[in-house]
Structure formats: C-alpha cells, structure tokens
Amino acid sequence: MLQVEVIEVKAKKTGEAILALGKLDTDPQFLFPMNPGVIVQEASSDHLMVRMDPPRGSGTGCPSGSVTRRCAG
C-alpha cells in the first residue's frame, strides 16, 4: 500500500489533483485507488494525475487521495 502526497489540486470543482508519484516510481497500470471515486488518469515520469470525485450518494467532498498498489497474481 502506498500513501502519496498531493502536490496540487488543479480544480476543486473537477477534483483533479497532481500526486508526487510517477512512472519512475511505479507502473500506473497497477495502481488501484482504495477510495471510491478516485480515478488514475495519466502519469509522467515523476507525477500522477488523478480525479477525485466524491462517492455517489455520499453528499460529501472529495475523498482523500490515498492510492494503493495491488500485487499482481
């Protein structure tokens, strides 16, 4: 499991955020968010862009940006 720092929230309405994690650190295709509504969008060598939508029916703001890496197998 990884806990990743949010570097910047690009737009609070859309919930886009840049995380301090990139292709040099991990393969983004193996990142599976623990929180409902967090979607991995794209990655550069040192940053990851995610979208943090609130879970449907929650009536709350965005969930935290925790992202986990699931082991293959």
Protein backbone atom coordinates (compact mmCIF):
# COMPACT_ATOMS: atom_id res chain seq x y z
CA MET A 1 0.00 0.00 0.00
CA LEU A 2 1.24 3.48 -0.87
CA GLN A 3 0.36 6.78 0.70
CA VAL A 4 1.02 9.61 -1.75
CA GLU A 5 1.38 13.35 -1.20
CA VAL A 6 -1.00 15.60 -3.16
CA ILE A 7 1.18 18.31 -4.74
CA GLU A 8 -1.54 20.43 -6.31
CA VAL A 9 -5.31 20.40 -6.70
CA LYS A 10 -5.91 21.78 -10.18
CA ALA A 11 -9.63 22.48 -9.89
CA LYS A 12 -11.79 21.91 -6.84
CA LYS A 13 -14.95 21.57 -8.96
CA THR A 14 -13.49 18.77 -11.09
CA GLY A 15 -11.32 17.30 -8.36
CA GLU A 16 -8.20 16.94 -10.49
CA ALA A 17 -5.04 16.56 -8.45
CA ILE A 18 -1.33 16.00 -9.12
CA LEU A 19 0.41 13.47 -6.89
CA ALA A 20 4.12 13.05 -6.10
CA LEU A 21 4.36 9.66 -7.81
CA GLY A 22 5.26 8.83 -11.40
CA LYS A 23 6.44 6.22 -13.87
CA LEU A 24 9.92 6.24 -12.34
CA ASP A 25 8.36 5.10 -9.04
CA THR A 26 5.76 2.57 -10.19
CA ASP A 27 3.77 1.33 -13.19
CA PRO A 28 0.50 3.34 -13.18
CA GLN A 29 -1.47 0.43 -14.66
CA PHE A 30 -1.01 -1.39 -11.35
CA LEU A 31 -2.38 1.44 -9.19
CA PHE A 32 -5.84 0.78 -7.78
CA PRO A 33 -7.35 3.51 -5.58
CA MET A 34 -8.72 2.40 -2.21
CA ASN A 35 -11.28 5.19 -2.09
CA PRO A 36 -14.38 5.14 -4.30
CA GLY A 37 -14.33 7.97 -6.81
CA VAL A 38 -10.53 8.22 -7.20
CA ILE A 39 -9.53 7.54 -10.81
CA VAL A 40 -5.95 7.35 -12.08
CA GLN A 41 -5.87 9.43 -15.27
CA GLU A 42 -2.29 9.70 -16.53
CA ALA A 43 1.33 9.79 -15.38
CA SER A 44 4.57 11.47 -16.32
CA SER A 45 7.99 10.33 -15.16
CA ASP A 46 7.56 11.94 -11.72
CA HIS A 47 3.89 12.94 -11.32
CA LEU A 48 0.49 11.26 -11.43
CA MET A 49 -2.78 12.96 -12.30
CA VAL A 50 -5.91 11.65 -10.59
CA ARG A 51 -9.53 12.70 -10.49
CA MET A 52 -11.14 12.65 -7.05
CA ASP A 53 -14.92 12.56 -7.39
CA PRO A 54 -17.00 12.09 -4.24
CA PRO A 55 -18.65 8.67 -3.95
CA ARG A 56 -22.19 8.66 -5.33
CA GLY A 57 -24.82 9.46 -2.74
CA SER A 58 -22.24 10.50 -0.13
CA GLY A 59 -23.13 14.20 -0.20
CA THR A 60 -19.56 14.93 0.94
CA GLY A 61 -16.49 16.44 -0.66
CA CYS A 62 -13.67 14.58 -2.35
CA PRO A 63 -12.22 11.53 -0.63
CA SER A 64 -8.58 11.57 0.38
CA GLY A 65 -6.03 10.94 -2.35
CA SER A 66 -4.67 7.67 -0.99
CA VAL A 67 -3.70 5.29 -3.75
CA THR A 68 -2.63 1.69 -3.29
CA ARG A 69 -0.68 -0.68 -5.45
CA ARG A 70 -2.21 -4.13 -5.72
CA CYS A 71 0.13 -7.05 -6.14
CA ALA A 72 -0.21 -8.91 -9.44
CA GLY A 73 -1.20 -12.52 -9.19
